[in-house]
Each structure stands twice: as structure tokens, then as C-alpha cells.
N, C-alpha and C. Protein backbone atom coordinates (compact mmCIF):
# COMPACT_ATOMS: atom_id res chain seq x y z
N MET A 1 7.22 -12.24 12.75
CA MET A 1 6.41 -11.79 11.63
C MET A 1 6.94 -10.43 11.17
N SER A 2 7.22 -10.31 9.90
CA SER A 2 7.66 -9.03 9.38
C SER A 2 6.46 -8.15 9.07
N ARG A 3 6.66 -6.85 9.17
CA ARG A 3 5.62 -5.89 8.84
C ARG A 3 6.19 -4.97 7.78
N PHE A 4 5.43 -4.75 6.74
CA PHE A 4 5.84 -3.86 5.69
C PHE A 4 5.19 -2.51 5.95
N ASN A 5 5.93 -1.45 5.74
CA ASN A 5 5.29 -0.15 5.87
C ASN A 5 5.87 0.81 4.85
N ARG A 6 5.15 1.83 4.63
CA ARG A 6 5.54 2.86 3.70
C ARG A 6 5.16 4.17 4.36
N ARG A 7 6.10 5.10 4.50
CA ARG A 7 5.80 6.35 5.18
C ARG A 7 5.80 7.50 4.18
N ILE A 8 4.94 8.45 4.44
CA ILE A 8 4.85 9.63 3.60
C ILE A 8 4.70 10.86 4.47
N PHE A 9 5.02 12.01 3.92
CA PHE A 9 4.79 13.26 4.63
C PHE A 9 3.51 13.89 4.10
N VAL A 10 2.73 14.42 5.00
CA VAL A 10 1.47 15.04 4.65
C VAL A 10 1.54 16.49 5.15
N PHE A 11 1.29 17.44 4.27
CA PHE A 11 1.37 18.83 4.66
C PHE A 11 -0.02 19.44 4.68
N GLY A 12 -0.40 19.96 5.80
CA GLY A 12 -1.68 20.63 5.98
C GLY A 12 -1.44 21.85 6.84
N GLY A 13 -2.36 22.14 7.74
CA GLY A 13 -2.16 23.24 8.67
C GLY A 13 -0.98 22.96 9.58
N ALA A 14 -0.77 21.70 9.89
CA ALA A 14 0.37 21.27 10.68
C ALA A 14 0.96 20.06 9.96
N THR A 15 2.25 19.88 10.08
CA THR A 15 2.88 18.75 9.42
C THR A 15 2.60 17.47 10.19
N ALA A 16 2.26 16.44 9.46
CA ALA A 16 2.03 15.13 10.05
C ALA A 16 2.69 14.10 9.16
N VAL A 17 2.87 12.91 9.67
CA VAL A 17 3.45 11.83 8.91
C VAL A 17 2.47 10.68 8.92
N GLY A 18 2.23 10.05 7.77
CA GLY A 18 1.32 8.92 7.68
C GLY A 18 2.05 7.66 7.31
N ALA A 19 1.57 6.53 7.80
CA ALA A 19 2.16 5.24 7.44
C ALA A 19 1.06 4.23 7.22
N LEU A 20 1.32 3.31 6.33
CA LEU A 20 0.41 2.19 6.08
C LEU A 20 1.23 0.91 6.21
N ALA A 21 0.64 -0.11 6.79
CA ALA A 21 1.32 -1.39 6.95
C ALA A 21 0.32 -2.52 6.79
N LEU A 22 0.76 -3.63 6.22
CA LEU A 22 -0.12 -4.78 6.12
C LEU A 22 -0.34 -5.33 7.51
N GLY A 23 -1.54 -5.76 7.79
CA GLY A 23 -1.85 -6.30 9.10
C GLY A 23 -1.87 -7.81 9.12
N GLY A 24 -1.64 -8.36 10.30
CA GLY A 24 -1.82 -9.79 10.54
C GLY A 24 -0.97 -10.70 9.68
N ARG A 25 -1.54 -11.87 9.35
CA ARG A 25 -0.82 -12.90 8.60
C ARG A 25 -0.49 -12.47 7.19
N ALA A 26 -1.21 -11.51 6.65
CA ALA A 26 -0.93 -11.07 5.28
C ALA A 26 0.49 -10.53 5.17
N ALA A 27 0.98 -9.88 6.22
CA ALA A 27 2.32 -9.32 6.19
C ALA A 27 3.38 -10.41 6.10
N ALA A 28 3.16 -11.53 6.74
CA ALA A 28 4.15 -12.60 6.74
C ALA A 28 4.27 -13.26 5.38
N ALA A 29 3.18 -13.34 4.63
CA ALA A 29 3.18 -14.06 3.37
C ALA A 29 3.41 -13.16 2.15
N ALA A 30 3.17 -11.88 2.27
CA ALA A 30 3.20 -11.00 1.11
C ALA A 30 4.60 -10.51 0.78
N THR A 31 4.81 -10.21 -0.50
CA THR A 31 5.99 -9.48 -0.89
C THR A 31 5.64 -8.01 -0.74
N PHE A 32 6.60 -7.12 -0.89
CA PHE A 32 6.37 -5.69 -0.68
C PHE A 32 5.23 -5.21 -1.58
N PRO A 33 4.09 -4.80 -1.01
CA PRO A 33 2.91 -4.47 -1.82
C PRO A 33 2.79 -2.99 -2.20
N PHE A 34 3.69 -2.12 -1.72
CA PHE A 34 3.53 -0.68 -1.92
C PHE A 34 4.35 -0.17 -3.11
N THR A 35 4.44 -0.95 -4.17
CA THR A 35 5.25 -0.57 -5.33
C THR A 35 4.71 0.66 -6.05
N LEU A 36 3.44 0.95 -5.89
CA LEU A 36 2.85 2.13 -6.53
C LEU A 36 2.92 3.36 -5.63
N GLY A 37 3.50 3.22 -4.46
CA GLY A 37 3.64 4.34 -3.54
C GLY A 37 2.36 4.61 -2.77
N ILE A 38 2.38 5.71 -2.06
CA ILE A 38 1.23 6.17 -1.28
C ILE A 38 1.03 7.64 -1.60
N ALA A 39 -0.20 8.01 -1.79
CA ALA A 39 -0.51 9.40 -2.09
C ALA A 39 -1.30 10.01 -0.95
N SER A 40 -1.20 11.30 -0.83
CA SER A 40 -2.04 12.02 0.11
C SER A 40 -2.70 13.16 -0.65
N GLY A 41 -3.85 13.53 -0.18
CA GLY A 41 -4.54 14.61 -0.88
C GLY A 41 -5.52 15.31 0.02
N ASP A 42 -6.09 16.37 -0.51
CA ASP A 42 -7.06 17.17 0.21
C ASP A 42 -6.58 17.55 1.60
N PRO A 43 -5.31 18.05 1.71
CA PRO A 43 -4.80 18.41 3.04
C PRO A 43 -5.51 19.64 3.58
N LEU A 44 -6.02 19.50 4.77
CA LEU A 44 -6.69 20.58 5.48
C LEU A 44 -6.12 20.65 6.89
N PRO A 45 -6.32 21.73 7.60
CA PRO A 45 -5.82 21.80 8.98
C PRO A 45 -6.37 20.70 9.88
N ASP A 46 -7.54 20.14 9.51
CA ASP A 46 -8.16 19.14 10.38
C ASP A 46 -8.23 17.75 9.76
N GLY A 47 -7.48 17.50 8.67
CA GLY A 47 -7.52 16.16 8.10
C GLY A 47 -6.79 16.03 6.78
N VAL A 48 -6.76 14.79 6.28
CA VAL A 48 -6.09 14.49 5.03
C VAL A 48 -6.62 13.15 4.52
N VAL A 49 -6.46 12.89 3.24
CA VAL A 49 -6.82 11.61 2.65
C VAL A 49 -5.53 10.86 2.30
N LEU A 50 -5.43 9.60 2.70
CA LEU A 50 -4.31 8.74 2.33
C LEU A 50 -4.84 7.70 1.35
N TRP A 51 -4.06 7.42 0.29
CA TRP A 51 -4.51 6.47 -0.72
C TRP A 51 -3.34 5.65 -1.21
N THR A 52 -3.59 4.37 -1.47
CA THR A 52 -2.62 3.50 -2.12
C THR A 52 -3.36 2.34 -2.76
N ARG A 53 -2.65 1.58 -3.53
CA ARG A 53 -3.16 0.32 -4.08
C ARG A 53 -2.08 -0.72 -3.85
N LEU A 54 -2.43 -1.81 -3.21
CA LEU A 54 -1.48 -2.88 -2.97
C LEU A 54 -1.25 -3.64 -4.27
N ALA A 55 -0.01 -3.69 -4.72
CA ALA A 55 0.29 -4.34 -5.99
C ALA A 55 1.78 -4.66 -6.06
N PRO A 56 2.21 -5.81 -5.53
CA PRO A 56 3.63 -6.16 -5.60
C PRO A 56 4.12 -6.32 -7.04
N SER A 57 3.21 -6.65 -7.96
CA SER A 57 3.53 -6.79 -9.39
C SER A 57 2.45 -6.07 -10.19
N PRO A 58 2.53 -4.73 -10.28
CA PRO A 58 1.44 -3.94 -10.87
C PRO A 58 1.04 -4.36 -12.27
N THR A 59 1.95 -4.89 -13.07
CA THR A 59 1.62 -5.25 -14.45
C THR A 59 1.28 -6.73 -14.60
N ASN A 60 1.06 -7.41 -13.50
CA ASN A 60 0.72 -8.83 -13.55
C ASN A 60 -0.54 -9.03 -14.39
N ALA A 61 -0.54 -10.08 -15.20
CA ALA A 61 -1.66 -10.35 -16.11
C ALA A 61 -2.96 -10.67 -15.38
N ASP A 62 -2.90 -10.95 -14.08
CA ASP A 62 -4.12 -11.27 -13.34
C ASP A 62 -5.02 -10.05 -13.13
N GLY A 63 -4.50 -8.86 -13.41
CA GLY A 63 -5.29 -7.64 -13.24
C GLY A 63 -5.41 -7.18 -11.80
N HIS A 64 -4.81 -7.90 -10.88
CA HIS A 64 -4.87 -7.54 -9.46
C HIS A 64 -3.50 -7.29 -8.87
N GLY A 65 -2.55 -7.00 -9.71
CA GLY A 65 -1.23 -6.61 -9.23
C GLY A 65 -0.47 -7.69 -8.49
N GLY A 66 -0.85 -8.94 -8.69
CA GLY A 66 -0.17 -10.03 -8.01
C GLY A 66 -0.64 -10.27 -6.59
N MET A 67 -1.73 -9.63 -6.19
CA MET A 67 -2.28 -9.82 -4.85
C MET A 67 -3.17 -11.07 -4.83
N PRO A 68 -3.34 -11.67 -3.65
CA PRO A 68 -4.17 -12.87 -3.56
C PRO A 68 -5.66 -12.55 -3.76
N ASN A 69 -6.44 -13.57 -4.03
CA ASN A 69 -7.87 -13.44 -4.24
C ASN A 69 -8.59 -13.39 -2.89
N GLN A 70 -8.24 -12.37 -2.11
CA GLN A 70 -8.85 -12.19 -0.79
C GLN A 70 -8.65 -10.75 -0.34
N ASP A 71 -9.47 -10.32 0.58
CA ASP A 71 -9.32 -9.00 1.19
C ASP A 71 -8.11 -9.02 2.11
N VAL A 72 -7.46 -7.86 2.26
CA VAL A 72 -6.25 -7.77 3.07
C VAL A 72 -6.39 -6.60 4.05
N PRO A 73 -6.17 -6.81 5.35
CA PRO A 73 -6.21 -5.69 6.29
C PRO A 73 -4.95 -4.83 6.16
N VAL A 74 -5.13 -3.52 6.23
CA VAL A 74 -4.01 -2.58 6.16
C VAL A 74 -4.11 -1.66 7.37
N ASP A 75 -3.06 -1.64 8.18
CA ASP A 75 -3.00 -0.74 9.33
C ASP A 75 -2.50 0.62 8.86
N TRP A 76 -3.03 1.70 9.43
CA TRP A 76 -2.56 3.04 9.10
C TRP A 76 -2.33 3.83 10.38
N GLU A 77 -1.38 4.75 10.31
CA GLU A 77 -1.06 5.63 11.44
C GLU A 77 -0.72 7.02 10.91
N VAL A 78 -1.00 8.01 11.72
CA VAL A 78 -0.56 9.38 11.47
C VAL A 78 0.10 9.86 12.75
N ALA A 79 1.29 10.42 12.60
CA ALA A 79 2.05 10.90 13.76
C ALA A 79 2.51 12.32 13.49
N THR A 80 2.90 13.01 14.53
CA THR A 80 3.39 14.37 14.39
C THR A 80 4.88 14.41 14.12
N ASP A 81 5.55 13.25 14.19
CA ASP A 81 6.98 13.21 13.97
C ASP A 81 7.36 12.01 13.11
N GLU A 82 8.49 12.11 12.43
CA GLU A 82 8.93 11.07 11.51
C GLU A 82 9.24 9.75 12.21
N ALA A 83 9.65 9.79 13.46
CA ALA A 83 9.99 8.58 14.22
C ALA A 83 8.74 7.88 14.77
N PHE A 84 7.58 8.46 14.59
CA PHE A 84 6.31 7.91 15.06
C PHE A 84 6.29 7.71 16.58
N THR A 85 6.87 8.65 17.31
CA THR A 85 6.79 8.58 18.77
C THR A 85 5.53 9.25 19.30
N ASN A 86 4.86 10.06 18.46
CA ASN A 86 3.62 10.72 18.87
C ASN A 86 2.52 10.44 17.84
N VAL A 87 1.97 9.22 17.89
CA VAL A 87 0.90 8.82 16.98
C VAL A 87 -0.39 9.50 17.42
N VAL A 88 -1.02 10.22 16.48
CA VAL A 88 -2.24 10.96 16.82
C VAL A 88 -3.50 10.32 16.25
N GLN A 89 -3.37 9.47 15.26
CA GLN A 89 -4.49 8.73 14.69
C GLN A 89 -3.99 7.38 14.21
N HIS A 90 -4.84 6.36 14.28
CA HIS A 90 -4.48 5.05 13.77
C HIS A 90 -5.74 4.24 13.54
N GLY A 91 -5.62 3.20 12.75
CA GLY A 91 -6.76 2.35 12.48
C GLY A 91 -6.40 1.25 11.51
N THR A 92 -7.39 0.50 11.11
CA THR A 92 -7.22 -0.57 10.13
C THR A 92 -8.31 -0.43 9.09
N VAL A 93 -7.94 -0.57 7.84
CA VAL A 93 -8.88 -0.51 6.73
C VAL A 93 -8.67 -1.77 5.89
N THR A 94 -9.70 -2.18 5.18
CA THR A 94 -9.61 -3.38 4.35
C THR A 94 -9.31 -3.01 2.91
N ALA A 95 -8.26 -3.61 2.36
CA ALA A 95 -7.97 -3.50 0.93
C ALA A 95 -8.73 -4.64 0.27
N ALA A 96 -9.87 -4.34 -0.30
CA ALA A 96 -10.76 -5.37 -0.84
C ALA A 96 -10.30 -5.87 -2.21
N TYR A 97 -10.36 -7.17 -2.37
CA TYR A 97 -10.05 -7.78 -3.67
C TYR A 97 -10.95 -7.20 -4.76
N ALA A 98 -12.22 -7.01 -4.45
CA ALA A 98 -13.19 -6.48 -5.42
C ALA A 98 -12.85 -5.06 -5.86
N ALA A 99 -12.09 -4.34 -5.06
CA ALA A 99 -11.68 -2.97 -5.39
C ALA A 99 -10.22 -2.92 -5.81
N ALA A 100 -9.69 -4.04 -6.31
CA ALA A 100 -8.29 -4.14 -6.76
C ALA A 100 -7.31 -3.77 -5.65
N HIS A 101 -7.69 -4.07 -4.41
CA HIS A 101 -6.85 -3.83 -3.23
C HIS A 101 -6.45 -2.37 -3.08
N SER A 102 -7.34 -1.46 -3.46
CA SER A 102 -7.06 -0.05 -3.23
C SER A 102 -7.47 0.32 -1.80
N VAL A 103 -6.79 1.31 -1.26
CA VAL A 103 -7.03 1.78 0.11
C VAL A 103 -7.25 3.27 0.08
N HIS A 104 -8.30 3.73 0.75
CA HIS A 104 -8.66 5.14 0.81
C HIS A 104 -9.06 5.43 2.25
N VAL A 105 -8.24 6.22 2.93
CA VAL A 105 -8.50 6.55 4.34
C VAL A 105 -8.68 8.06 4.46
N GLU A 106 -9.81 8.47 4.98
CA GLU A 106 -10.03 9.88 5.28
C GLU A 106 -9.74 10.10 6.76
N VAL A 107 -8.62 10.73 7.02
CA VAL A 107 -8.15 10.94 8.39
C VAL A 107 -8.61 12.30 8.86
N GLY A 108 -9.31 12.33 9.97
CA GLY A 108 -9.72 13.60 10.57
C GLY A 108 -8.97 13.80 11.87
N TYR A 109 -8.33 14.95 12.01
CA TYR A 109 -7.60 15.25 13.25
C TYR A 109 -8.57 15.82 14.26
N ARG A 110 -8.34 15.53 15.49
CA ARG A 110 -9.21 16.06 16.56
C ARG A 110 -8.55 17.19 17.29
């Protein structure tokens, strides 16, 4: 099973790296869904917000970026290094069809 991921750098009080990946069977069937990139915002020493919208074909006439008519699990990770050898936060969030498969994760560092 292939896993798609997109990594970004997040700058706050300390540098961290965030990644998002499709979870489960969705990864095997999907084309690359991160065509709109991944954004980070509200960087603070104790957290950051990660955001993306899954859309392999953003201008698709279906209005959902070519995504299926179902919710899709998205795995996320934050690490202190680019190689992801020291993952400090991780989880799974749902990219809901009803929300145009947008993802919004508020990561709090401990």
C-alpha cells in the first residue's frame, strides 16, 4: 500500500516539521491529493495550526476537487527533525466530504 505525504516546515519558538498522509485504504486508491499544498499558521512556542484541502483535481466540475463522495482519514505528524526520527505529536483527522475534504489540525506541544 502506498502512502502519500506532504511535509512542511513550521516555525515557532522551536522549529518543527509537520506531515500529513492519507490513512488506510484511501491511500491505495487515491491520486496525489495535496495539490493545493499544506499551510501552517498561528505559530506559537507551544503549538501550531496545520491546514490543507485534499483535491487531486482542484478545478474539477464536481466542486469537490475530484475526491470521492466519502470522508477520508488523514494521518498527521510533527517531528523535531526533517527525517522524522523524533516524532513529538501525531494523530488522525477526518477530511469530511461535507467540508470539501478540508483538514484543520490544532497541534499543541507538551
